[in-house]
Amino acid sequence: MTQGRKIVVETRDLNVSISGCDVLKDINLRILENSFTGLIGPNGGGKTTLLRTLLGLIPPDRGEVRIEGKLLGTGRRRTWIMGYVPQQIRVDRRFPLSVLDAVVMGRYGRIGLGRRAGRTDREIALDCLDRVGLAHLARVRIGDLSGGEQQRVFIARALSASPKVLILDEPTAAVDVAAQDSFYRLLQELRQAYSLTVVMATHDIGIVPIYCDAIACLNRTLHLHGRPEEILKNEVFKKLYGTEVEVVMHGKIPHRMIGGHHHD
């Protein structure tokens, strides 16, 4: 499966418990450079926990996470290697924060907290806004944007730190169906433009064979990991999700949804 590409993110015998409950057990996962991995699984299966553990936000009870072969720490290196767009970001519509200032905040991992962003930082932020098609809204208050526009701002914010890996947790949960297809096309464009490795948790299995080149099936442990055409026909996959998979239609494309949207 490696096809000669470098392993960027790897977990080895990863175990995580929260409040005494086992959430992740014996996770051995390899994410290849410039790949697009769709992380799927039922509610409560541990998707959000795994993403946050890869980011160093949750310490494992046992096992390890390696980024580019090096043991994950909590220092400066993690900050800029990984870009993160969480599942839900609540925006106070009354807060006077411009779209550009929101994106500049993504630069703090580079420049350090307490230091002012300079001209270069703002130029990088504006370029990221341009990449997601929102440069014309740079001076608009972020609270005045639609849910889909806000999501693009948060993508730009994550990109402004120039990460190698972009991690997204249910990125289209708050946007309508019409906006979802354009969002995934944008994500593919950004992946190419920035040479990104993308890891995305999603309930929408239907988009996976279209946009992803790998699927990881998680339900507390990693049941399957491989190419979409292999995984979706796998009998283990059918047994795992057969009774929980609901077929819906997005235009002419059949999409399969696993459960609803909430944090694991």
C-alpha atoms as a PDB file:
ATOM      1  CA  MET A   1       0.000   0.000   0.000  1.00  0.00           C
ATOM      2  CA  THR A   2       2.918   2.370   0.580  1.00  0.00           C
ATOM      3  CA  GLN A   3       3.821   2.455  -3.140  1.00  0.00           C
ATOM      4  CA  GLY A   4       7.184   3.982  -2.253  1.00  0.00           C
ATOM      5  CA  ARG A   5       5.652   7.034  -0.566  1.00  0.00           C
ATOM      6  CA  LYS A   6       6.892   8.252   2.788  1.00  0.00           C
ATOM      7  CA  ILE A   7       4.883   7.551   5.939  1.00  0.00           C
ATOM      8  CA  VAL A   8       3.971  10.947   7.426  1.00  0.00           C
ATOM      9  CA  VAL A   9       1.766   9.915  10.360  1.00  0.00           C
ATOM     10  CA  GLU A  10       1.960   6.581  12.147  1.00  0.00           C
ATOM     11  CA  THR A  11       0.428   5.112  15.282  1.00  0.00           C
ATOM     12  CA  ARG A  12       1.846   2.052  16.990  1.00  0.00           C
ATOM     13  CA  ASP A  13      -0.317   0.009  19.398  1.00  0.00           C
ATOM     14  CA  LEU A  14      -2.164   3.183  20.341  1.00  0.00           C
ATOM     15  CA  ASN A  15      -4.537   2.939  23.310  1.00  0.00           C
ATOM     16  CA  VAL A  16      -6.567   5.844  24.701  1.00  0.00           C
ATOM     17  CA  SER A  17      -9.058   5.922  27.550  1.00  0.00           C
ATOM     18  CA  ILE A  18     -11.191   8.840  28.689  1.00  0.00           C
ATOM     19  CA  SER A  19     -12.683   8.968  32.184  1.00  0.00           C
ATOM     20  CA  GLY A  20     -11.731   5.333  32.686  1.00  0.00           C
ATOM     21  CA  CYS A  21     -13.432   4.125  29.488  1.00  0.00           C
ATOM     22  CA  ASP A  22     -11.452   2.586  26.642  1.00  0.00           C
ATOM     23  CA  VAL A  23     -12.013   4.703  23.524  1.00  0.00           C
ATOM     24  CA  LEU A  24      -9.191   3.510  21.255  1.00  0.00           C
ATOM     25  CA  LYS A  25      -7.547   0.097  21.410  1.00  0.00           C
ATOM     26  CA  ASP A  26      -4.435  -1.157  19.618  1.00  0.00           C
ATOM     27  CA  ILE A  27      -4.558   1.321  16.742  1.00  0.00           C
ATOM     28  CA  ASN A  28      -1.858   0.716  14.135  1.00  0.00           C
ATOM     29  CA  LEU A  29      -2.319   3.248  11.360  1.00  0.00           C
ATOM     30  CA  ARG A  30      -0.042   4.553   8.630  1.00  0.00           C
ATOM     31  CA  ILE A  31      -0.848   7.724   6.686  1.00  0.00           C
ATOM     32  CA  LEU A  32       1.159   8.205   3.501  1.00  0.00           C
ATOM     33  CA  GLU A  33       2.555  11.466   2.205  1.00  0.00           C
ATOM     34  CA  ASN A  34       0.135  13.395  -0.057  1.00  0.00           C
ATOM     35  CA  SER A  35      -2.641  10.871   0.554  1.00  0.00           C
ATOM     36  CA  PHE A  36      -6.281  11.678   1.304  1.00  0.00           C
ATOM     37  CA  THR A  37      -7.578   9.348   4.016  1.00  0.00           C
ATOM     38  CA  GLY A  38     -11.258   9.153   4.907  1.00  0.00           C
ATOM     39  CA  LEU A  39     -11.757   8.102   8.531  1.00  0.00           C
ATOM     40  CA  ILE A  40     -15.177   6.483   8.909  1.00  0.00           C
ATOM     41  CA  GLY A  41     -17.048   4.681  11.662  1.00  0.00           C
ATOM     42  CA  PRO A  42     -20.183   4.717  13.811  1.00  0.00           C
ATOM     43  CA  ASN A  43     -20.993   7.303  16.463  1.00  0.00           C
ATOM     44  CA  GLY A  44     -18.892   6.800  19.575  1.00  0.00           C
ATOM     45  CA  GLY A  45     -16.321   4.832  17.579  1.00  0.00           C
ATOM     46  CA  GLY A  46     -13.475   7.178  18.503  1.00  0.00           C
ATOM     47  CA  LYS A  47     -12.896   9.212  15.329  1.00  0.00           C
ATOM     48  CA  THR A  48     -12.598  12.600  17.036  1.00  0.00           C
ATOM     49  CA  THR A  49     -10.485  11.088  19.817  1.00  0.00           C
ATOM     50  CA  LEU A  50      -8.074   9.596  17.284  1.00  0.00           C
ATOM     51  CA  LEU A  51      -7.702  12.890  15.421  1.00  0.00           C
ATOM     52  CA  ARG A  52      -7.070  14.795  18.645  1.00  0.00           C
ATOM     53  CA  THR A  53      -4.528  12.180  19.713  1.00  0.00           C
ATOM     54  CA  LEU A  54      -2.694  12.541  16.389  1.00  0.00           C
ATOM     55  CA  LEU A  55      -2.521  16.273  17.114  1.00  0.00           C
ATOM     56  CA  GLY A  56      -1.047  15.722  20.572  1.00  0.00           C
ATOM     57  CA  LEU A  57      -4.143  17.144  22.270  1.00  0.00           C
ATOM     58  CA  ILE A  58      -4.934  13.859  24.036  1.00  0.00           C
ATOM     59  CA  PRO A  59      -2.089  11.782  25.534  1.00  0.00           C
ATOM     60  CA  PRO A  60      -2.235   8.037  24.833  1.00  0.00           C
ATOM     61  CA  ASP A  61      -2.369   5.554  27.705  1.00  0.00           C
ATOM     62  CA  ARG A  62      -0.169   3.197  25.756  1.00  0.00           C
ATOM     63  CA  GLY A  63       1.528   3.163  22.389  1.00  0.00           C
ATOM     64  CA  GLU A  64       2.790   6.110  20.395  1.00  0.00           C
ATOM     65  CA  VAL A  65       2.230   8.555  17.564  1.00  0.00           C
ATOM     66  CA  ARG A  66       5.060   9.332  15.156  1.00  0.00           C
ATOM     67  CA  ILE A  67       5.163  12.269  12.776  1.00  0.00           C
ATOM     68  CA  GLU A  68       7.667  11.863   9.955  1.00  0.00           C
ATOM     69  CA  GLY A  69       9.269   9.086  11.976  1.00  0.00           C
ATOM     70  CA  LYS A  70       9.731  11.163  15.120  1.00  0.00           C
ATOM     71  CA  LEU A  71       7.841  10.610  18.360  1.00  0.00           C
ATOM     72  CA  LEU A  72       5.052  13.134  18.730  1.00  0.00           C
ATOM     73  CA  GLY A  73       5.731  15.841  21.276  1.00  0.00           C
ATOM     74  CA  THR A  74       3.709  18.820  22.352  1.00  0.00           C
ATOM     75  CA  GLY A  75       6.205  21.445  21.286  1.00  0.00           C
ATOM     76  CA  ARG A  76       6.616  23.846  18.410  1.00  0.00           C
ATOM     77  CA  ARG A  77       7.206  21.179  15.749  1.00  0.00           C
ATOM     78  CA  ARG A  78       3.706  19.689  16.154  1.00  0.00           C
ATOM     79  CA  THR A  79       2.145  23.124  15.838  1.00  0.00           C
ATOM     80  CA  TRP A  80       3.185  23.726  12.253  1.00  0.00           C
ATOM     81  CA  ILE A  81       3.356  20.187  10.888  1.00  0.00           C
ATOM     82  CA  MET A  82      -0.364  19.655  11.542  1.00  0.00           C
ATOM     83  CA  GLY A  83      -3.255  21.905  10.556  1.00  0.00           C
ATOM     84  CA  TYR A  84      -6.585  21.244  12.293  1.00  0.00           C
ATOM     85  CA  VAL A  85     -10.190  22.112  11.505  1.00  0.00           C
ATOM     86  CA  PRO A  86     -12.386  20.853  14.372  1.00  0.00           C
ATOM     87  CA  GLN A  87     -15.922  19.596  13.978  1.00  0.00           C
ATOM     88  CA  GLN A  88     -17.694  22.581  15.489  1.00  0.00           C
ATOM     89  CA  ILE A  89     -16.385  26.121  15.861  1.00  0.00           C
ATOM     90  CA  ARG A  90     -18.903  28.428  17.460  1.00  0.00           C
ATOM     91  CA  VAL A  91     -18.705  31.993  16.215  1.00  0.00           C
ATOM     92  CA  ASP A  92     -20.189  34.846  18.238  1.00  0.00           C
ATOM     93  CA  ARG A  93     -21.882  36.942  15.566  1.00  0.00           C
ATOM     94  CA  ARG A  94     -21.456  40.053  17.715  1.00  0.00           C
ATOM     95  CA  PHE A  95     -17.706  39.680  18.145  1.00  0.00           C
ATOM     96  CA  PRO A  96     -15.865  42.278  16.003  1.00  0.00           C
ATOM     97  CA  LEU A  97     -13.337  39.923  14.403  1.00  0.00           C
ATOM     98  CA  SER A  98     -12.651  40.321  10.695  1.00  0.00           C
ATOM     99  CA  VAL A  99     -12.221  37.359   8.383  1.00  0.00           C
ATOM    100  CA  LEU A 100      -8.575  38.281   7.744  1.00  0.00           C
ATOM    101  CA  ASP A 101      -7.786  38.582  11.467  1.00  0.00           C
ATOM    102  CA  ALA A 102      -9.349  35.154  12.047  1.00  0.00           C
ATOM    103  CA  VAL A 103      -7.022  33.631   9.449  1.00  0.00           C
ATOM    104  CA  VAL A 104      -3.980  35.478  10.807  1.00  0.00           C
ATOM    105  CA  MET A 105      -4.611  33.702  14.121  1.00  0.00           C
ATOM    106  CA  GLY A 106      -3.473  30.520  12.411  1.00  0.00           C
ATOM    107  CA  ARG A 107       0.002  32.051  12.144  1.00  0.00           C
ATOM    108  CA  TYR A 108       0.501  32.245  15.921  1.00  0.00           C
ATOM    109  CA  GLY A 109       2.025  28.783  16.023  1.00  0.00           C
ATOM    110  CA  ARG A 110       4.744  30.111  13.723  1.00  0.00           C
ATOM    111  CA  ILE A 111       5.330  33.564  15.196  1.00  0.00           C
ATOM    112  CA  GLY A 112       4.664  32.673  18.845  1.00  0.00           C
ATOM    113  CA  LEU A 113       1.944  33.840  21.210  1.00  0.00           C
ATOM    114  CA  GLY A 114       2.408  37.380  22.467  1.00  0.00           C
ATOM    115  CA  ARG A 115       4.119  38.536  19.276  1.00  0.00           C
ATOM    116  CA  ARG A 116       2.334  40.717  16.770  1.00  0.00           C
ATOM    117  CA  ALA A 117       1.632  39.450  13.287  1.00  0.00           C
ATOM    118  CA  GLY A 118       3.642  41.313  10.675  1.00  0.00           C
ATOM    119  CA  ARG A 119       3.057  42.244   7.066  1.00  0.00           C
ATOM    120  CA  THR A 120       4.313  38.877   5.823  1.00  0.00           C
ATOM    121  CA  ASP A 121       1.898  37.045   8.122  1.00  0.00           C
ATOM    122  CA  ARG A 122      -1.025  39.078   6.804  1.00  0.00           C
ATOM    123  CA  GLU A 123       0.060  38.525   3.203  1.00  0.00           C
ATOM    124  CA  ILE A 124       0.202  34.764   3.784  1.00  0.00           C
ATOM    125  CA  ALA A 125      -3.231  34.867   5.430  1.00  0.00           C
ATOM    126  CA  LEU A 126      -4.665  36.857   2.530  1.00  0.00           C
ATOM    127  CA  ASP A 127      -3.197  34.395   0.037  1.00  0.00           C
ATOM    128  CA  CYS A 128      -4.847  31.518   1.925  1.00  0.00           C
ATOM    129  CA  LEU A 129      -8.150  33.398   1.824  1.00  0.00           C
ATOM    130  CA  ASP A 130      -7.707  33.847  -1.899  1.00  0.00           C
ATOM    131  CA  ARG A 131      -7.093  30.103  -2.273  1.00  0.00           C
ATOM    132  CA  VAL A 132     -10.456  29.342  -0.651  1.00  0.00           C
ATOM    133  CA  GLY A 133     -12.204  32.041  -2.708  1.00  0.00           C
ATOM    134  CA  LEU A 134     -12.867  34.524   0.089  1.00  0.00           C
ATOM    135  CA  ALA A 135     -10.243  37.250  -0.363  1.00  0.00           C
ATOM    136  CA  HIS A 136     -13.010  39.710  -1.211  1.00  0.00           C
ATOM    137  CA  LEU A 137     -14.488  39.196   2.267  1.00  0.00           C
ATOM    138  CA  ALA A 138     -11.239  39.815   4.161  1.00  0.00           C
ATOM    139  CA  ARG A 139     -12.561  42.887   6.000  1.00  0.00           C
ATOM    140  CA  VAL A 140     -16.034  41.489   6.683  1.00  0.00           C
ATOM    141  CA  ARG A 141     -16.890  40.441  10.236  1.00  0.00           C
ATOM    142  CA  ILE A 142     -16.651  36.657  10.433  1.00  0.00           C
ATOM    143  CA  GLY A 143     -19.970  36.450  12.269  1.00  0.00           C
ATOM    144  CA  ASP A 144     -21.725  37.830   9.183  1.00  0.00           C
ATOM    145  CA  LEU A 145     -20.683  34.901   6.985  1.00  0.00           C
ATOM    146  CA  SER A 146     -22.718  31.816   6.179  1.00  0.00           C
ATOM    147  CA  GLY A 147     -21.813  28.458   7.702  1.00  0.00           C
ATOM    148  CA  GLY A 148     -20.148  27.336   4.485  1.00  0.00           C
ATOM    149  CA  GLU A 149     -18.128  30.542   4.227  1.00  0.00           C
ATOM    150  CA  GLN A 150     -17.028  30.273   7.856  1.00  0.00           C
ATOM    151  CA  GLN A 151     -15.846  26.729   7.218  1.00  0.00           C
ATOM    152  CA  ARG A 152     -13.666  27.990   4.361  1.00  0.00           C
ATOM    153  CA  VAL A 153     -12.230  30.663   6.666  1.00  0.00           C
ATOM    154  CA  PHE A 154     -11.242  27.971   9.173  1.00  0.00           C
ATOM    155  CA  ILE A 155      -9.614  25.978   6.369  1.00  0.00           C
ATOM    156  CA  ALA A 156      -7.648  29.108   5.410  1.00  0.00           C
ATOM    157  CA  ARG A 157      -6.690  29.610   9.052  1.00  0.00           C
ATOM    158  CA  ALA A 158      -5.312  26.078   9.262  1.00  0.00           C
ATOM    159  CA  LEU A 159      -3.434  26.536   5.967  1.00  0.00           C
ATOM    160  CA  SER A 160      -1.879  29.826   7.050  1.00  0.00           C
ATOM    161  CA  ALA A 161       0.585  27.942   9.262  1.00  0.00           C
ATOM    162  CA  SER A 162       1.856  26.106   6.159  1.00  0.00           C
ATOM    163  CA  PRO A 163       1.198  22.603   7.550  1.00  0.00           C
ATOM    164  CA  LYS A 164       2.159  19.369   5.847  1.00  0.00           C
ATOM    165  CA  VAL A 165      -0.870  17.516   7.203  1.00  0.00           C
ATOM    166  CA  LEU A 166      -4.430  18.863   7.247  1.00  0.00           C
ATOM    167  CA  ILE A 167      -6.793  17.163   9.698  1.00  0.00           C
ATOM    168  CA  LEU A 168     -10.535  17.772   9.407  1.00  0.00           C
ATOM    169  CA  ASP A 169     -13.288  16.513  11.698  1.00  0.00           C
ATOM    170  CA  GLU A 170     -16.671  16.265   9.934  1.00  0.00           C
ATOM    171  CA  PRO A 171     -15.956  19.409   7.865  1.00  0.00           C
ATOM    172  CA  THR A 172     -19.322  19.504   6.076  1.00  0.00           C
ATOM    173  CA  ALA A 173     -21.578  18.747   9.054  1.00  0.00           C
ATOM    174  CA  ALA A 174     -22.774  22.373   9.213  1.00  0.00           C
ATOM    175  CA  VAL A 175     -23.141  23.097   5.492  1.00  0.00           C
ATOM    176  CA  ASP A 176     -25.941  22.214   3.089  1.00  0.00           C
ATOM    177  CA  VAL A 177     -25.720  19.524   0.425  1.00  0.00           C
ATOM    178  CA  ALA A 178     -25.152  22.005  -2.407  1.00  0.00           C
ATOM    179  CA  ALA A 179     -22.126  23.444  -0.615  1.00  0.00           C
ATOM    180  CA  GLN A 180     -20.665  20.021   0.186  1.00  0.00           C
ATOM    181  CA  ASP A 181     -19.691  19.047  -3.354  1.00  0.00           C
ATOM    182  CA  SER A 182     -17.955  22.358  -3.987  1.00  0.00           C
ATOM    183  CA  PHE A 183     -16.215  22.035  -0.613  1.00  0.00           C
ATOM    184  CA  TYR A 184     -14.746  18.645  -1.527  1.00  0.00           C
ATOM    185  CA  ARG A 185     -13.607  19.938  -4.897  1.00  0.00           C
ATOM    186  CA  LEU A 186     -11.920  22.842  -3.124  1.00  0.00           C
ATOM    187  CA  LEU A 187     -10.242  20.426  -0.739  1.00  0.00           C
ATOM    188  CA  GLN A 188      -8.782  18.505  -3.666  1.00  0.00           C
ATOM    189  CA  GLU A 189      -7.489  21.742  -5.206  1.00  0.00           C
ATOM    190  CA  LEU A 190      -5.864  22.772  -1.916  1.00  0.00           C
ATOM    191  CA  ARG A 191      -4.335  19.347  -1.505  1.00  0.00           C
ATOM    192  CA  GLN A 192      -2.626  19.716  -4.869  1.00  0.00           C
ATOM    193  CA  ALA A 193      -1.652  23.376  -4.434  1.00  0.00           C
ATOM    194  CA  TYR A 194      -0.078  22.883  -0.990  1.00  0.00           C
ATOM    195  CA  SER A 195       1.109  19.260  -1.403  1.00  0.00           C
ATOM    196  CA  LEU A 196      -0.984  18.320   1.614  1.00  0.00           C
ATOM    197  CA  THR A 197      -1.592  15.036   3.327  1.00  0.00           C
ATOM    198  CA  VAL A 198      -5.285  15.073   4.300  1.00  0.00           C
ATOM    199  CA  VAL A 199      -7.003  13.074   7.051  1.00  0.00           C
ATOM    200  CA  MET A 200     -10.745  13.624   7.285  1.00  0.00           C
ATOM    201  CA  ALA A 201     -13.309  12.088   9.623  1.00  0.00           C
ATOM    202  CA  THR A 202     -16.672  11.779   7.890  1.00  0.00           C
ATOM    203  CA  HIS A 203     -20.026  10.006   8.095  1.00  0.00           C
ATOM    204  CA  ASP A 204     -20.530  10.366   4.362  1.00  0.00           C
ATOM    205  CA  ILE A 205     -19.168   7.172   2.858  1.00  0.00           C
ATOM    206  CA  GLY A 206     -20.386   8.204  -0.587  1.00  0.00           C
ATOM    207  CA  ILE A 207     -17.721  10.875  -1.011  1.00  0.00           C
ATOM    208  CA  VAL A 208     -14.903   8.546  -0.007  1.00  0.00           C
ATOM    209  CA  PRO A 209     -14.447   6.614  -3.275  1.00  0.00           C
ATOM    210  CA  ILE A 210     -14.761   9.892  -5.202  1.00  0.00           C
ATOM    211  CA  TYR A 211     -12.210  11.990  -3.325  1.00  0.00           C
ATOM    212  CA  CYS A 212     -10.181   9.748  -0.999  1.00  0.00           C
ATOM    213  CA  ASP A 213      -7.460   7.299  -1.919  1.00  0.00           C
ATOM    214  CA  ALA A 214      -7.585   5.465   1.428  1.00  0.00           C
ATOM    215  CA  ILE A 215     -10.250   4.493   3.955  1.00  0.00           C
ATOM    216  CA  ALA A 216      -9.697   3.774   7.636  1.00  0.00           C
ATOM    217  CA  CYS A 217     -12.665   2.052   9.351  1.00  0.00           C
ATOM    218  CA  LEU A 218     -12.635   2.800  13.060  1.00  0.00           C
ATOM    219  CA  ASN A 219     -14.850   1.446  15.803  1.00  0.00           C
ATOM    220  CA  ARG A 220     -12.656   1.682  18.910  1.00  0.00           C
ATOM    221  CA  THR A 221     -10.117  -0.419  17.044  1.00  0.00           C
ATOM    222  CA  LEU A 222      -9.009  -0.155  13.419  1.00  0.00           C
ATOM    223  CA  HIS A 223     -10.959  -2.840  11.575  1.00  0.00           C
ATOM    224  CA  LEU A 224      -9.940  -2.036   7.997  1.00  0.00           C
ATOM    225  CA  HIS A 225      -7.485   0.264   6.250  1.00  0.00           C
ATOM    226  CA  GLY A 226      -6.870   0.328   2.526  1.00  0.00           C
ATOM    227  CA  ARG A 227      -8.003   1.576  -0.849  1.00  0.00           C
ATOM    228  CA  PRO A 228     -11.721   2.495  -1.195  1.00  0.00           C
ATOM    229  CA  GLU A 229     -12.445  -0.072  -3.907  1.00  0.00           C
ATOM    230  CA  GLU A 230     -11.064  -2.800  -1.646  1.00  0.00           C
ATOM    231  CA  ILE A 231     -12.708  -1.664   1.587  1.00  0.00           C
ATOM    232  CA  LEU A 232     -16.235  -0.986   0.317  1.00  0.00           C
ATOM    233  CA  LYS A 233     -16.487  -4.527  -1.101  1.00  0.00           C
ATOM    234  CA  ASN A 234     -14.967  -6.155   1.962  1.00  0.00           C
ATOM    235  CA  GLU A 235     -17.258  -8.556   3.850  1.00  0.00           C
ATOM    236  CA  VAL A 236     -15.944  -7.250   7.181  1.00  0.00           C
ATOM    237  CA  PHE A 237     -17.027  -3.746   6.160  1.00  0.00           C
ATOM    238  CA  LYS A 238     -20.492  -4.968   5.223  1.00  0.00           C
ATOM    239  CA  LYS A 239     -20.871  -6.767   8.538  1.00  0.00           C
ATOM    240  CA  LEU A 240     -19.619  -3.781  10.516  1.00  0.00           C
ATOM    241  CA  TYR A 241     -21.871  -1.177   8.919  1.00  0.00           C
ATOM    242  CA  GLY A 242     -24.559  -3.091   7.076  1.00  0.00           C
ATOM    243  CA  THR A 243     -27.410  -2.316   9.474  1.00  0.00           C
ATOM    244  CA  GLU A 244     -26.279   1.263  10.112  1.00  0.00           C
ATOM    245  CA  VAL A 245     -25.726   2.422   6.546  1.00  0.00           C
ATOM    246  CA  GLU A 246     -28.460   4.638   5.147  1.00  0.00           C
ATOM    247  CA  VAL A 247     -28.473   5.420   1.438  1.00  0.00           C
ATOM    248  CA  VAL A 248     -29.333   9.017   0.550  1.00  0.00           C
ATOM    249  CA  MET A 249     -28.981  10.975  -2.663  1.00  0.00           C
ATOM    250  CA  HIS A 250     -26.835  14.040  -3.264  1.00  0.00           C
ATOM    251  CA  GLY A 251     -27.900  15.023  -6.730  1.00  0.00           C
ATOM    252  CA  LYS A 252     -27.236  11.994  -8.920  1.00  0.00           C
ATOM    253  CA  ILE A 253     -24.530  10.619  -6.645  1.00  0.00           C
ATOM    254  CA  PRO A 254     -25.568   8.012  -4.058  1.00  0.00           C
ATOM    255  CA  HIS A 255     -24.137   8.776  -0.636  1.00  0.00           C
ATOM    256  CA  ARG A 256     -24.098   6.444   2.323  1.00  0.00           C
ATOM    257  CA  MET A 257     -24.307   7.954   5.783  1.00  0.00           C
ATOM    258  CA  ILE A 258     -23.234   6.318   9.021  1.00  0.00           C
ATOM    259  CA  GLY A 259     -25.211   7.660  11.964  1.00  0.00           C
ATOM    260  CA  GLY A 260     -25.511  11.337  12.758  1.00  0.00           C
ATOM    261  CA  HIS A 261     -23.064  14.087  13.594  1.00  0.00           C
ATOM    262  CA  HIS A 262     -21.591  14.392  17.064  1.00  0.00           C
ATOM    263  CA  HIS A 263     -18.279  14.169  18.863  1.00  0.00           C
ATOM    264  CA  ASP A 264     -16.792  10.767  19.649  1.00  0.00           C
END
